[in-house]
Amino acid sequence: MATARRRRVAKLKVTLVKSIIGLSPKQEATVRALGLRRIRHTVEHDDSPTIQGMIKAVTFALKVEAV
């Protein structure tokens, strides 16, 4: 029997550190799509190209840590 290897997926901890007031509607939608609702709200996401692109679009408003 072949053993199934589980690939450990890297996680990112994303925290909103700047208000979304004054951001463009597209940037505001990106922050909301990441699951962030208020300043100092933190969420965890799997490290994927999609999430990395969303983070890159609003890096100035986020703090990102590897978990």
PDB file of N, CA and C in Angstrom:
ATOM      1  N   MET A   1       0.826  -1.189   0.000  1.00  0.00           N
ATOM      2  CA  MET A   1       0.000   0.000   0.000  1.00  0.00           C
ATOM      3  C   MET A   1       0.864   1.244   0.000  1.00  0.00           C
ATOM      4  N   ALA A   2       0.485   2.129  -0.820  1.00  0.00           N
ATOM      5  CA  ALA A   2       1.207   3.396  -0.861  1.00  0.00           C
ATOM      6  C   ALA A   2       0.698   4.299   0.252  1.00  0.00           C
ATOM      7  N   THR A   3       1.616   4.929   0.932  1.00  0.00           N
ATOM      8  CA  THR A   3       1.203   5.838   1.998  1.00  0.00           C
ATOM      9  C   THR A   3       0.959   7.218   1.411  1.00  0.00           C
ATOM     10  N   ALA A   4      -0.079   7.825   1.855  1.00  0.00           N
ATOM     11  CA  ALA A   4      -0.402   9.176   1.379  1.00  0.00           C
ATOM     12  C   ALA A   4       0.424  10.174   2.181  1.00  0.00           C
ATOM     13  N   ARG A   5       1.151  10.966   1.481  1.00  0.00           N
ATOM     14  CA  ARG A   5       1.931  12.013   2.142  1.00  0.00           C
ATOM     15  C   ARG A   5       1.111  13.284   2.167  1.00  0.00           C
ATOM     16  N   ARG A   6       1.077  13.875   3.310  1.00  0.00           N
ATOM     17  CA  ARG A   6       0.365  15.145   3.431  1.00  0.00           C
ATOM     18  C   ARG A   6       1.363  16.273   3.247  1.00  0.00           C
ATOM     19  N   ARG A   7       1.033  17.106   2.317  1.00  0.00           N
ATOM     20  CA  ARG A   7       1.886  18.257   2.067  1.00  0.00           C
ATOM     21  C   ARG A   7       1.456  19.367   3.011  1.00  0.00           C
ATOM     22  N   ARG A   8       2.365  19.861   3.774  1.00  0.00           N
ATOM     23  CA  ARG A   8       2.044  20.923   4.723  1.00  0.00           C
ATOM     24  C   ARG A   8       1.941  22.238   3.965  1.00  0.00           C
ATOM     25  N   VAL A   9       0.788  22.851   4.074  1.00  0.00           N
ATOM     26  CA  VAL A   9       0.535  24.112   3.393  1.00  0.00           C
ATOM     27  C   VAL A   9       0.941  25.247   4.321  1.00  0.00           C
ATOM     28  N   ALA A  10       1.739  26.165   3.810  1.00  0.00           N
ATOM     29  CA  ALA A  10       2.158  27.309   4.608  1.00  0.00           C
ATOM     30  C   ALA A  10       0.955  28.206   4.871  1.00  0.00           C
ATOM     31  N   LYS A  11       0.936  28.818   6.025  1.00  0.00           N
ATOM     32  CA  LYS A  11      -0.155  29.713   6.403  1.00  0.00           C
ATOM     33  C   LYS A  11       0.384  31.131   6.540  1.00  0.00           C
ATOM     34  N   LEU A  12      -0.478  32.084   6.252  1.00  0.00           N
ATOM     35  CA  LEU A  12      -0.156  33.491   6.434  1.00  0.00           C
ATOM     36  C   LEU A  12      -1.152  34.103   7.405  1.00  0.00           C
ATOM     37  N   LYS A  13      -0.648  34.887   8.336  1.00  0.00           N
ATOM     38  CA  LYS A  13      -1.503  35.618   9.254  1.00  0.00           C
ATOM     39  C   LYS A  13      -1.549  37.058   8.753  1.00  0.00           C
ATOM     40  N   VAL A  14      -2.738  37.522   8.377  1.00  0.00           N
ATOM     41  CA  VAL A  14      -2.909  38.836   7.767  1.00  0.00           C
ATOM     42  C   VAL A  14      -3.709  39.711   8.734  1.00  0.00           C
ATOM     43  N   THR A  15      -3.169  40.915   9.030  1.00  0.00           N
ATOM     44  CA  THR A  15      -3.808  41.847   9.957  1.00  0.00           C
ATOM     45  C   THR A  15      -4.003  43.186   9.273  1.00  0.00           C
ATOM     46  N   LEU A  16      -5.184  43.759   9.420  1.00  0.00           N
ATOM     47  CA  LEU A  16      -5.462  45.089   8.883  1.00  0.00           C
ATOM     48  C   LEU A  16      -4.931  46.126   9.860  1.00  0.00           C
ATOM     49  N   VAL A  17      -4.037  47.002   9.409  1.00  0.00           N
ATOM     50  CA  VAL A  17      -3.426  47.989  10.298  1.00  0.00           C
ATOM     51  C   VAL A  17      -3.778  49.416   9.918  1.00  0.00           C
ATOM     52  N   LYS A  18      -4.463  49.604   8.790  1.00  0.00           N
ATOM     53  CA  LYS A  18      -4.831  50.934   8.334  1.00  0.00           C
ATOM     54  C   LYS A  18      -6.305  50.910   7.957  1.00  0.00           C
ATOM     55  N   SER A  19      -6.986  51.998   8.205  1.00  0.00           N
ATOM     56  CA  SER A  19      -8.406  52.084   7.889  1.00  0.00           C
ATOM     57  C   SER A  19      -8.649  51.962   6.391  1.00  0.00           C
ATOM     58  N   ILE A  20      -9.790  51.398   6.041  1.00  0.00           N
ATOM     59  CA  ILE A  20     -10.134  51.281   4.621  1.00  0.00           C
ATOM     60  C   ILE A  20     -10.820  52.545   4.112  1.00  0.00           C
ATOM     61  N   ILE A  21     -11.077  53.492   5.002  1.00  0.00           N
ATOM     62  CA  ILE A  21     -11.657  54.767   4.576  1.00  0.00           C
ATOM     63  C   ILE A  21     -10.635  55.463   3.674  1.00  0.00           C
ATOM     64  N   GLY A  22     -11.065  55.892   2.527  1.00  0.00           N
ATOM     65  CA  GLY A  22     -10.185  56.580   1.589  1.00  0.00           C
ATOM     66  C   GLY A  22      -9.568  55.676   0.542  1.00  0.00           C
ATOM     67  N   LEU A  23      -9.736  54.372   0.688  1.00  0.00           N
ATOM     68  CA  LEU A  23      -9.231  53.455  -0.328  1.00  0.00           C
ATOM     69  C   LEU A  23     -10.178  53.453  -1.516  1.00  0.00           C
ATOM     70  N   SER A  24      -9.667  53.051  -2.655  1.00  0.00           N
ATOM     71  CA  SER A  24     -10.528  52.925  -3.824  1.00  0.00           C
ATOM     72  C   SER A  24     -11.512  51.778  -3.573  1.00  0.00           C
ATOM     73  N   PRO A  25     -12.647  51.792  -4.261  1.00  0.00           N
ATOM     74  CA  PRO A  25     -13.611  50.703  -4.068  1.00  0.00           C
ATOM     75  C   PRO A  25     -13.011  49.325  -4.361  1.00  0.00           C
ATOM     76  N   LYS A  26     -12.118  49.252  -5.320  1.00  0.00           N
ATOM     77  CA  LYS A  26     -11.486  47.972  -5.656  1.00  0.00           C
ATOM     78  C   LYS A  26     -10.593  47.495  -4.508  1.00  0.00           C
ATOM     79  N   GLN A  27      -9.813  48.410  -3.913  1.00  0.00           N
ATOM     80  CA  GLN A  27      -8.952  48.053  -2.791  1.00  0.00           C
ATOM     81  C   GLN A  27      -9.786  47.676  -1.571  1.00  0.00           C
ATOM     82  N   GLU A  28     -10.864  48.405  -1.348  1.00  0.00           N
ATOM     83  CA  GLU A  28     -11.744  48.093  -0.225  1.00  0.00           C
ATOM     84  C   GLU A  28     -12.350  46.701  -0.394  1.00  0.00           C
ATOM     85  N   ALA A  29     -12.746  46.371  -1.612  1.00  0.00           N
ATOM     86  CA  ALA A  29     -13.309  45.052  -1.889  1.00  0.00           C
ATOM     87  C   ALA A  29     -12.272  43.957  -1.670  1.00  0.00           C
ATOM     88  N   THR A  30     -11.013  44.231  -1.990  1.00  0.00           N
ATOM     89  CA  THR A  30      -9.938  43.258  -1.784  1.00  0.00           C
ATOM     90  C   THR A  30      -9.742  42.982  -0.295  1.00  0.00           C
ATOM     91  N   VAL A  31      -9.748  44.037   0.505  1.00  0.00           N
ATOM     92  CA  VAL A  31      -9.601  43.877   1.958  1.00  0.00           C
ATOM     93  C   VAL A  31     -10.759  43.054   2.504  1.00  0.00           C
ATOM     94  N   ARG A  32     -11.967  43.343   2.052  1.00  0.00           N
ATOM     95  CA  ARG A  32     -13.149  42.592   2.505  1.00  0.00           C
ATOM     96  C   ARG A  32     -13.074  41.134   2.057  1.00  0.00           C
ATOM     97  N   ALA A  33     -12.583  40.909   0.836  1.00  0.00           N
ATOM     98  CA  ALA A  33     -12.473  39.544   0.312  1.00  0.00           C
ATOM     99  C   ALA A  33     -11.454  38.725   1.106  1.00  0.00           C
ATOM    100  N   LEU A  34     -10.475  39.390   1.694  1.00  0.00           N
ATOM    101  CA  LEU A  34      -9.520  38.697   2.558  1.00  0.00           C
ATOM    102  C   LEU A  34     -10.148  38.331   3.902  1.00  0.00           C
ATOM    103  N   GLY A  35     -11.333  38.866   4.175  1.00  0.00           N
ATOM    104  CA  GLY A  35     -12.028  38.538   5.414  1.00  0.00           C
ATOM    105  C   GLY A  35     -11.773  39.519   6.535  1.00  0.00           C
ATOM    106  N   LEU A  36     -11.161  40.655   6.211  1.00  0.00           N
ATOM    107  CA  LEU A  36     -10.824  41.647   7.226  1.00  0.00           C
ATOM    108  C   LEU A  36     -11.954  42.655   7.353  1.00  0.00           C
ATOM    109  N   ARG A  37     -12.368  42.931   8.583  1.00  0.00           N
ATOM    110  CA  ARG A  37     -13.529  43.788   8.800  1.00  0.00           C
ATOM    111  C   ARG A  37     -13.202  45.095   9.515  1.00  0.00           C
ATOM    112  N   ARG A  38     -12.203  45.094  10.336  1.00  0.00           N
ATOM    113  CA  ARG A  38     -11.886  46.301  11.103  1.00  0.00           C
ATOM    114  C   ARG A  38     -10.383  46.339  11.390  1.00  0.00           C
ATOM    115  N   ILE A  39      -9.912  47.468  11.852  1.00  0.00           N
ATOM    116  CA  ILE A  39      -8.497  47.631  12.168  1.00  0.00           C
ATOM    117  C   ILE A  39      -8.133  46.652  13.291  1.00  0.00           C
ATOM    118  N   ARG A  40      -6.961  46.037  13.179  1.00  0.00           N
ATOM    119  CA  ARG A  40      -6.413  45.034  14.090  1.00  0.00           C
ATOM    120  C   ARG A  40      -7.158  43.697  14.024  1.00  0.00           C
ATOM    121  N   HIS A  41      -7.975  43.503  13.001  1.00  0.00           N
ATOM    122  CA  HIS A  41      -8.623  42.209  12.788  1.00  0.00           C
ATOM    123  C   HIS A  41      -7.621  41.314  12.059  1.00  0.00           C
ATOM    124  N   THR A  42      -7.461  40.083  12.521  1.00  0.00           N
ATOM    125  CA  THR A  42      -6.485  39.155  11.957  1.00  0.00           C
ATOM    126  C   THR A  42      -7.189  37.906  11.443  1.00  0.00           C
ATOM    127  N   VAL A  43      -6.750  37.452  10.277  1.00  0.00           N
ATOM    128  CA  VAL A  43      -7.257  36.204   9.705  1.00  0.00           C
ATOM    129  C   VAL A  43      -6.071  35.379   9.214  1.00  0.00           C
ATOM    130  N   GLU A  44      -6.277  34.072   9.098  1.00  0.00           N
ATOM    131  CA  GLU A  44      -5.243  33.185   8.556  1.00  0.00           C
ATOM    132  C   GLU A  44      -5.699  32.642   7.212  1.00  0.00           C
ATOM    133  N   HIS A  45      -4.779  32.625   6.261  1.00  0.00           N
ATOM    134  CA  HIS A  45      -5.052  32.088   4.936  1.00  0.00           C
ATOM    135  C   HIS A  45      -3.928  31.146   4.537  1.00  0.00           C
ATOM    136  N   ASP A  46      -4.249  30.175   3.690  1.00  0.00           N
ATOM    137  CA  ASP A  46      -3.213  29.348   3.090  1.00  0.00           C
ATOM    138  C   ASP A  46      -2.397  30.224   2.154  1.00  0.00           C
ATOM    139  N   ASP A  47      -1.109  29.962   2.077  1.00  0.00           N
ATOM    140  CA  ASP A  47      -0.237  30.725   1.193  1.00  0.00           C
ATOM    141  C   ASP A  47      -0.432  30.224  -0.232  1.00  0.00           C
ATOM    142  N   SER A  48      -1.132  31.004  -1.040  1.00  0.00           N
ATOM    143  CA  SER A  48      -1.388  30.634  -2.424  1.00  0.00           C
ATOM    144  C   SER A  48      -1.154  31.867  -3.308  1.00  0.00           C
ATOM    145  N   PRO A  49      -0.959  31.656  -4.598  1.00  0.00           N
ATOM    146  CA  PRO A  49      -0.756  32.796  -5.494  1.00  0.00           C
ATOM    147  C   PRO A  49      -1.931  33.776  -5.473  1.00  0.00           C
ATOM    148  N   THR A  50      -3.133  33.284  -5.313  1.00  0.00           N
ATOM    149  CA  THR A  50      -4.307  34.158  -5.270  1.00  0.00           C
ATOM    150  C   THR A  50      -4.249  35.088  -4.061  1.00  0.00           C
ATOM    151  N   ILE A  51      -3.983  34.525  -2.906  1.00  0.00           N
ATOM    152  CA  ILE A  51      -3.907  35.317  -1.677  1.00  0.00           C
ATOM    153  C   ILE A  51      -2.724  36.274  -1.739  1.00  0.00           C
ATOM    154  N   GLN A  52      -1.597  35.826  -2.270  1.00  0.00           N
ATOM    155  CA  GLN A  52      -0.428  36.700  -2.391  1.00  0.00           C
ATOM    156  C   GLN A  52      -0.730  37.903  -3.271  1.00  0.00           C
ATOM    157  N   GLY A  53      -1.477  37.697  -4.357  1.00  0.00           N
ATOM    158  CA  GLY A  53      -1.847  38.802  -5.243  1.00  0.00           C
ATOM    159  C   GLY A  53      -2.765  39.791  -4.552  1.00  0.00           C
ATOM    160  N   MET A  54      -3.694  39.281  -3.758  1.00  0.00           N
ATOM    161  CA  MET A  54      -4.602  40.164  -3.020  1.00  0.00           C
ATOM    162  C   MET A  54      -3.831  40.985  -1.992  1.00  0.00           C
ATOM    163  N   ILE A  55      -2.894  40.347  -1.323  1.00  0.00           N
ATOM    164  CA  ILE A  55      -2.074  41.050  -0.330  1.00  0.00           C
ATOM    165  C   ILE A  55      -1.223  42.116  -1.007  1.00  0.00           C
ATOM    166  N   LYS A  56      -0.666  41.785  -2.152  1.00  0.00           N
ATOM    167  CA  LYS A  56       0.184  42.733  -2.879  1.00  0.00           C
ATOM    168  C   LYS A  56      -0.582  43.986  -3.303  1.00  0.00           C
ATOM    169  N   ALA A  57      -1.873  43.842  -3.559  1.00  0.00           N
ATOM    170  CA  ALA A  57      -2.688  44.973  -3.998  1.00  0.00           C
ATOM    171  C   ALA A  57      -2.907  46.004  -2.893  1.00  0.00           C
ATOM    172  N   VAL A  58      -2.813  45.581  -1.634  1.00  0.00           N
ATOM    173  CA  VAL A  58      -3.071  46.499  -0.515  1.00  0.00           C
ATOM    174  C   VAL A  58      -2.020  46.347   0.592  1.00  0.00           C
ATOM    175  N   THR A  59      -0.769  46.159   0.221  1.00  0.00           N
ATOM    176  CA  THR A  59       0.298  45.929   1.209  1.00  0.00           C
ATOM    177  C   THR A  59       0.427  47.056   2.216  1.00  0.00           C
ATOM    178  N   PHE A  60       0.152  48.282   1.813  1.00  0.00           N
ATOM    179  CA  PHE A  60       0.320  49.434   2.682  1.00  0.00           C
ATOM    180  C   PHE A  60      -0.666  49.431   3.860  1.00  0.00           C
ATOM    181  N   ALA A  61      -1.726  48.653   3.768  1.00  0.00           N
ATOM    182  CA  ALA A  61      -2.746  48.619   4.813  1.00  0.00           C
ATOM    183  C   ALA A  61      -2.695  47.339   5.642  1.00  0.00           C
ATOM    184  N   LEU A  62      -1.773  46.432   5.331  1.00  0.00           N
ATOM    185  CA  LEU A  62      -1.739  45.122   5.982  1.00  0.00           C
ATOM    186  C   LEU A  62      -0.406  44.848   6.653  1.00  0.00           C
ATOM    187  N   LYS A  63      -0.462  43.947   7.631  1.00  0.00           N
ATOM    188  CA  LYS A  63       0.751  43.365   8.224  1.00  0.00           C
ATOM    189  C   LYS A  63       0.622  41.869   7.983  1.00  0.00           C
ATOM    190  N   VAL A  64       1.649  41.267   7.401  1.00  0.00           N
ATOM    191  CA  VAL A  64       1.594  39.856   7.048  1.00  0.00           C
ATOM    192  C   VAL A  64       2.715  39.109   7.770  1.00  0.00           C
ATOM    193  N   GLU A  65       2.348  37.989   8.395  1.00  0.00           N
ATOM    194  CA  GLU A  65       3.328  37.144   9.090  1.00  0.00           C
ATOM    195  C   GLU A  65       3.162  35.716   8.626  1.00  0.00           C
ATOM    196  N   ALA A  66       4.255  35.005   8.519  1.00  0.00           N
ATOM    197  CA  ALA A  66       4.199  33.574   8.206  1.00  0.00           C
ATOM    198  C   ALA A  66       3.924  32.826   9.498  1.00  0.00           C
ATOM    199  N   VAL A  67       3.070  31.818   9.410  1.00  0.00           N
ATOM    200  CA  VAL A  67       2.725  31.036  10.613  1.00  0.00           C
ATOM    201  C   VAL A  67       3.353  29.675  10.507  1.00  0.00           C
TER     202      VAL A  67
END
